[in-house]
Amino acid sequence: MKQRLIKLLSVKSIVTIALTASFAYLSIRGEIGASEFLTIFTTVIAFYFGTQATREERA
């Protein structure tokens, strides 16, 4: 459990969570539309999980 928490607090994870929260906030306020939010969020999440999968294959 401690290892998972340490991995969650990596820089990449923090950036992903911060970006998700930021764009969710902007979307709720109406400053960006749903289509822009979906595009940005999909890109961020795909990059995050893509790099996670690559790292697991190397290990």
PDB file of N, CA and C in Angstrom:
ATOM      1  N   MET A   1       0.830  -1.198   0.000  1.00  0.00           N
ATOM      2  CA  MET A   1       0.000   0.000   0.000  1.00  0.00           C
ATOM      3  C   MET A   1       0.874   1.262   0.000  1.00  0.00           C
ATOM      4  N   LYS A   2       1.953   1.224   0.779  1.00  0.00           N
ATOM      5  CA  LYS A   2       2.842   2.370   0.851  1.00  0.00           C
ATOM      6  C   LYS A   2       3.511   2.630  -0.496  1.00  0.00           C
ATOM      7  N   GLN A   3       3.863   1.553  -1.204  1.00  0.00           N
ATOM      8  CA  GLN A   3       4.473   1.686  -2.536  1.00  0.00           C
ATOM      9  C   GLN A   3       3.510   2.352  -3.510  1.00  0.00           C
ATOM     10  N   ARG A   4       2.238   1.991  -3.448  1.00  0.00           N
ATOM     11  CA  ARG A   4       1.246   2.593  -4.349  1.00  0.00           C
ATOM     12  C   ARG A   4       1.096   4.077  -4.075  1.00  0.00           C
ATOM     13  N   LEU A   5       1.121   4.463  -2.809  1.00  0.00           N
ATOM     14  CA  LEU A   5       1.019   5.870  -2.450  1.00  0.00           C
ATOM     15  C   LEU A   5       2.228   6.644  -2.943  1.00  0.00           C
ATOM     16  N   ILE A   6       3.399   6.064  -2.824  1.00  0.00           N
ATOM     17  CA  ILE A   6       4.619   6.708  -3.315  1.00  0.00           C
ATOM     18  C   ILE A   6       4.561   6.887  -4.823  1.00  0.00           C
ATOM     19  N   LYS A   7       4.089   5.864  -5.544  1.00  0.00           N
ATOM     20  CA  LYS A   7       3.967   5.969  -6.999  1.00  0.00           C
ATOM     21  C   LYS A   7       2.926   7.014  -7.393  1.00  0.00           C
ATOM     22  N   LEU A   8       1.848   7.108  -6.609  1.00  0.00           N
ATOM     23  CA  LEU A   8       0.793   8.077  -6.900  1.00  0.00           C
ATOM     24  C   LEU A   8       1.313   9.498  -6.772  1.00  0.00           C
ATOM     25  N   LEU A   9       2.261   9.705  -5.896  1.00  0.00           N
ATOM     26  CA  LEU A   9       2.790  11.039  -5.662  1.00  0.00           C
ATOM     27  C   LEU A   9       3.964  11.397  -6.566  1.00  0.00           C
ATOM     28  N   SER A  10       4.159  10.634  -7.619  1.00  0.00           N
ATOM     29  CA  SER A  10       5.211  10.986  -8.566  1.00  0.00           C
ATOM     30  C   SER A  10       4.816  12.263  -9.301  1.00  0.00           C
ATOM     31  N   VAL A  11       5.792  12.920  -9.870  1.00  0.00           N
ATOM     32  CA  VAL A  11       5.553  14.196 -10.549  1.00  0.00           C
ATOM     33  C   VAL A  11       4.526  14.042 -11.663  1.00  0.00           C
ATOM     34  N   LYS A  12       4.648  12.985 -12.435  1.00  0.00           N
ATOM     35  CA  LYS A  12       3.724  12.775 -13.548  1.00  0.00           C
ATOM     36  C   LYS A  12       2.286  12.617 -13.063  1.00  0.00           C
ATOM     37  N   SER A  13       2.106  11.902 -11.974  1.00  0.00           N
ATOM     38  CA  SER A  13       0.777  11.713 -11.415  1.00  0.00           C
ATOM     39  C   SER A  13       0.208  13.021 -10.891  1.00  0.00           C
ATOM     40  N   ILE A  14       1.046  13.793 -10.223  1.00  0.00           N
ATOM     41  CA  ILE A  14       0.592  15.080  -9.686  1.00  0.00           C
ATOM     42  C   ILE A  14       0.183  16.012 -10.824  1.00  0.00           C
ATOM     43  N   VAL A  15       0.975  16.042 -11.881  1.00  0.00           N
ATOM     44  CA  VAL A  15       0.648  16.890 -13.036  1.00  0.00           C
ATOM     45  C   VAL A  15      -0.672  16.436 -13.667  1.00  0.00           C
ATOM     46  N   THR A  16      -0.855  15.135 -13.821  1.00  0.00           N
ATOM     47  CA  THR A  16      -2.084  14.613 -14.413  1.00  0.00           C
ATOM     48  C   THR A  16      -3.293  14.982 -13.573  1.00  0.00           C
ATOM     49  N   ILE A  17      -3.197  14.819 -12.269  1.00  0.00           N
ATOM     50  CA  ILE A  17      -4.307  15.158 -11.379  1.00  0.00           C
ATOM     51  C   ILE A  17      -4.581  16.656 -11.400  1.00  0.00           C
ATOM     52  N   ALA A  18      -3.530  17.466 -11.382  1.00  0.00           N
ATOM     53  CA  ALA A  18      -3.694  18.923 -11.406  1.00  0.00           C
ATOM     54  C   ALA A  18      -4.336  19.389 -12.708  1.00  0.00           C
ATOM     55  N   LEU A  19      -3.889  18.842 -13.832  1.00  0.00           N
ATOM     56  CA  LEU A  19      -4.491  19.215 -15.113  1.00  0.00           C
ATOM     57  C   LEU A  19      -5.960  18.806 -15.178  1.00  0.00           C
ATOM     58  N   THR A  20      -6.261  17.627 -14.713  1.00  0.00           N
ATOM     59  CA  THR A  20      -7.643  17.164 -14.712  1.00  0.00           C
ATOM     60  C   THR A  20      -8.511  18.080 -13.863  1.00  0.00           C
ATOM     61  N   ALA A  21      -8.043  18.415 -12.674  1.00  0.00           N
ATOM     62  CA  ALA A  21      -8.802  19.301 -11.791  1.00  0.00           C
ATOM     63  C   ALA A  21      -8.963  20.693 -12.406  1.00  0.00           C
ATOM     64  N   SER A  22      -7.900  21.213 -13.009  1.00  0.00           N
ATOM     65  CA  SER A  22      -7.953  22.550 -13.617  1.00  0.00           C
ATOM     66  C   SER A  22      -8.955  22.616 -14.759  1.00  0.00           C
ATOM     67  N   PHE A  23      -8.885  21.647 -15.653  1.00  0.00           N
ATOM     68  CA  PHE A  23      -9.791  21.671 -16.793  1.00  0.00           C
ATOM     69  C   PHE A  23     -11.226  21.356 -16.382  1.00  0.00           C
ATOM     70  N   ALA A  24     -11.407  20.544 -15.348  1.00  0.00           N
ATOM     71  CA  ALA A  24     -12.762  20.295 -14.839  1.00  0.00           C
ATOM     72  C   ALA A  24     -13.344  21.594 -14.270  1.00  0.00           C
ATOM     73  N   TYR A  25     -12.539  22.324 -13.524  1.00  0.00           N
ATOM     74  CA  TYR A  25     -12.971  23.604 -12.963  1.00  0.00           C
ATOM     75  C   TYR A  25     -13.343  24.597 -14.065  1.00  0.00           C
ATOM     76  N   LEU A  26     -12.488  24.719 -15.072  1.00  0.00           N
ATOM     77  CA  LEU A  26     -12.769  25.639 -16.179  1.00  0.00           C
ATOM     78  C   LEU A  26     -14.022  25.219 -16.939  1.00  0.00           C
ATOM     79  N   SER A  27     -14.226  23.930 -17.071  1.00  0.00           N
ATOM     80  CA  SER A  27     -15.415  23.439 -17.765  1.00  0.00           C
ATOM     81  C   SER A  27     -16.676  23.743 -16.969  1.00  0.00           C
ATOM     82  N   ILE A  28     -16.624  23.544 -15.661  1.00  0.00           N
ATOM     83  CA  ILE A  28     -17.784  23.834 -14.809  1.00  0.00           C
ATOM     84  C   ILE A  28     -18.115  25.317 -14.837  1.00  0.00           C
ATOM     85  N   ARG A  29     -17.100  26.158 -14.843  1.00  0.00           N
ATOM     86  CA  ARG A  29     -17.324  27.612 -14.895  1.00  0.00           C
ATOM     87  C   ARG A  29     -17.803  28.073 -16.265  1.00  0.00           C
ATOM     88  N   GLY A  30     -17.708  27.219 -17.263  1.00  0.00           N
ATOM     89  CA  GLY A  30     -18.160  27.575 -18.597  1.00  0.00           C
ATOM     90  C   GLY A  30     -17.119  28.292 -19.425  1.00  0.00           C
ATOM     91  N   GLU A  31     -15.876  28.314 -18.976  1.00  0.00           N
ATOM     92  CA  GLU A  31     -14.835  29.009 -19.718  1.00  0.00           C
ATOM     93  C   GLU A  31     -14.285  28.178 -20.868  1.00  0.00           C
ATOM     94  N   ILE A  32     -14.432  26.869 -20.786  1.00  0.00           N
ATOM     95  CA  ILE A  32     -14.133  26.011 -21.927  1.00  0.00           C
ATOM     96  C   ILE A  32     -15.327  25.090 -22.130  1.00  0.00           C
ATOM     97  N   GLY A  33     -15.558  24.734 -23.353  1.00  0.00           N
ATOM     98  CA  GLY A  33     -16.696  23.890 -23.672  1.00  0.00           C
ATOM     99  C   GLY A  33     -16.426  22.424 -23.414  1.00  0.00           C
ATOM    100  N   ALA A  34     -17.470  21.643 -23.482  1.00  0.00           N
ATOM    101  CA  ALA A  34     -17.357  20.203 -23.222  1.00  0.00           C
ATOM    102  C   ALA A  34     -16.449  19.526 -24.242  1.00  0.00           C
ATOM    103  N   SER A  35     -16.520  19.941 -25.493  1.00  0.00           N
ATOM    104  CA  SER A  35     -15.690  19.298 -26.517  1.00  0.00           C
ATOM    105  C   SER A  35     -14.206  19.585 -26.292  1.00  0.00           C
ATOM    106  N   GLU A  36     -13.872  20.815 -25.899  1.00  0.00           N
ATOM    107  CA  GLU A  36     -12.474  21.125 -25.601  1.00  0.00           C
ATOM    108  C   GLU A  36     -11.995  20.339 -24.379  1.00  0.00           C
ATOM    109  N   PHE A  37     -12.837  20.266 -23.344  1.00  0.00           N
ATOM    110  CA  PHE A  37     -12.483  19.514 -22.147  1.00  0.00           C
ATOM    111  C   PHE A  37     -12.231  18.059 -22.492  1.00  0.00           C
ATOM    112  N   LEU A  38     -13.113  17.471 -23.277  1.00  0.00           N
ATOM    113  CA  LEU A  38     -12.976  16.071 -23.632  1.00  0.00           C
ATOM    114  C   LEU A  38     -11.684  15.823 -24.413  1.00  0.00           C
ATOM    115  N   THR A  39     -11.365  16.703 -25.344  1.00  0.00           N
ATOM    116  CA  THR A  39     -10.136  16.561 -26.131  1.00  0.00           C
ATOM    117  C   THR A  39      -8.897  16.637 -25.238  1.00  0.00           C
ATOM    118  N   ILE A  40      -8.843  17.633 -24.389  1.00  0.00           N
ATOM    119  CA  ILE A  40      -7.682  17.818 -23.516  1.00  0.00           C
ATOM    120  C   ILE A  40      -7.575  16.669 -22.524  1.00  0.00           C
ATOM    121  N   PHE A  41      -8.673  16.321 -21.901  1.00  0.00           N
ATOM    122  CA  PHE A  41      -8.668  15.258 -20.895  1.00  0.00           C
ATOM    123  C   PHE A  41      -8.260  13.922 -21.512  1.00  0.00           C
ATOM    124  N   THR A  42      -8.778  13.615 -22.686  1.00  0.00           N
ATOM    125  CA  THR A  42      -8.429  12.369 -23.367  1.00  0.00           C
ATOM    126  C   THR A  42      -6.940  12.320 -23.686  1.00  0.00           C
ATOM    127  N   THR A  43      -6.386  13.423 -24.139  1.00  0.00           N
ATOM    128  CA  THR A  43      -4.961  13.483 -24.452  1.00  0.00           C
ATOM    129  C   THR A  43      -4.107  13.261 -23.205  1.00  0.00           C
ATOM    130  N   VAL A  44      -4.457  13.931 -22.126  1.00  0.00           N
ATOM    131  CA  VAL A  44      -3.687  13.797 -20.885  1.00  0.00           C
ATOM    132  C   VAL A  44      -3.758  12.373 -20.349  1.00  0.00           C
ATOM    133  N   ILE A  45      -4.950  11.817 -20.298  1.00  0.00           N
ATOM    134  CA  ILE A  45      -5.128  10.470 -19.762  1.00  0.00           C
ATOM    135  C   ILE A  45      -4.451   9.428 -20.665  1.00  0.00           C
ATOM    136  N   ALA A  46      -4.569   9.585 -21.973  1.00  0.00           N
ATOM    137  CA  ALA A  46      -3.926   8.642 -22.894  1.00  0.00           C
ATOM    138  C   ALA A  46      -2.406   8.682 -22.729  1.00  0.00           C
ATOM    139  N   PHE A  47      -1.856   9.874 -22.575  1.00  0.00           N
ATOM    140  CA  PHE A  47      -0.409   9.986 -22.364  1.00  0.00           C
ATOM    141  C   PHE A  47      -0.013   9.325 -21.054  1.00  0.00           C
ATOM    142  N   TYR A  48      -0.764   9.592 -19.998  1.00  0.00           N
ATOM    143  CA  TYR A  48      -0.437   9.033 -18.683  1.00  0.00           C
ATOM    144  C   TYR A  48      -0.461   7.512 -18.708  1.00  0.00           C
ATOM    145  N   PHE A  49      -1.561   6.934 -19.205  1.00  0.00           N
ATOM    146  CA  PHE A  49      -1.659   5.486 -19.215  1.00  0.00           C
ATOM    147  C   PHE A  49      -0.748   4.856 -20.267  1.00  0.00           C
ATOM    148  N   GLY A  50      -0.462   5.542 -21.344  1.00  0.00           N
ATOM    149  CA  GLY A  50       0.464   5.043 -22.347  1.00  0.00           C
ATOM    150  C   GLY A  50       1.858   4.917 -21.798  1.00  0.00           C
ATOM    151  N   THR A  51       2.292   5.920 -21.040  1.00  0.00           N
ATOM    152  CA  THR A  51       3.622   5.841 -20.460  1.00  0.00           C
ATOM    153  C   THR A  51       3.679   4.820 -19.324  1.00  0.00           C
ATOM    154  N   GLN A  52       2.580   4.634 -18.612  1.00  0.00           N
ATOM    155  CA  GLN A  52       2.523   3.614 -17.565  1.00  0.00           C
ATOM    156  C   GLN A  52       2.668   2.225 -18.179  1.00  0.00           C
ATOM    157  N   ALA A  53       1.983   1.974 -19.279  1.00  0.00           N
ATOM    158  CA  ALA A  53       2.038   0.666 -19.937  1.00  0.00           C
ATOM    159  C   ALA A  53       3.447   0.387 -20.471  1.00  0.00           C
ATOM    160  N   THR A  54       4.083   1.409 -21.018  1.00  0.00           N
ATOM    161  CA  THR A  54       5.448   1.258 -21.532  1.00  0.00           C
ATOM    162  C   THR A  54       6.407   0.938 -20.391  1.00  0.00           C
ATOM    163  N   ARG A  55       6.244   1.595 -19.270  1.00  0.00           N
ATOM    164  CA  ARG A  55       7.115   1.359 -18.123  1.00  0.00           C
ATOM    165  C   ARG A  55       6.937  -0.061 -17.604  1.00  0.00           C
ATOM    166  N   GLU A  56       5.710  -0.575 -17.556  1.00  0.00           N
ATOM    167  CA  GLU A  56       5.458  -1.929 -17.068  1.00  0.00           C
ATOM    168  C   GLU A  56       6.043  -2.978 -18.001  1.00  0.00           C
ATOM    169  N   GLU A  57       6.037  -2.714 -19.309  1.00  0.00           N
ATOM    170  CA  GLU A  57       6.603  -3.660 -20.265  1.00  0.00           C
ATOM    171  C   GLU A  57       8.114  -3.767 -20.087  1.00  0.00           C
ATOM    172  N   ARG A  58       8.769  -2.693 -19.760  1.00  0.00           N
ATOM    173  CA  ARG A  58      10.225  -2.676 -19.580  1.00  0.00           C
ATOM    174  C   ARG A  58      10.652  -3.353 -18.287  1.00  0.00           C
ATOM    175  N   ALA A  59       9.776  -3.341 -17.298  1.00  0.00           N
ATOM    176  CA  ALA A  59      10.146  -3.909 -15.984  1.00  0.00           C
ATOM    177  C   ALA A  59      10.131  -5.409 -15.974  1.00  0.00           C
TER     178      ALA A  59
END
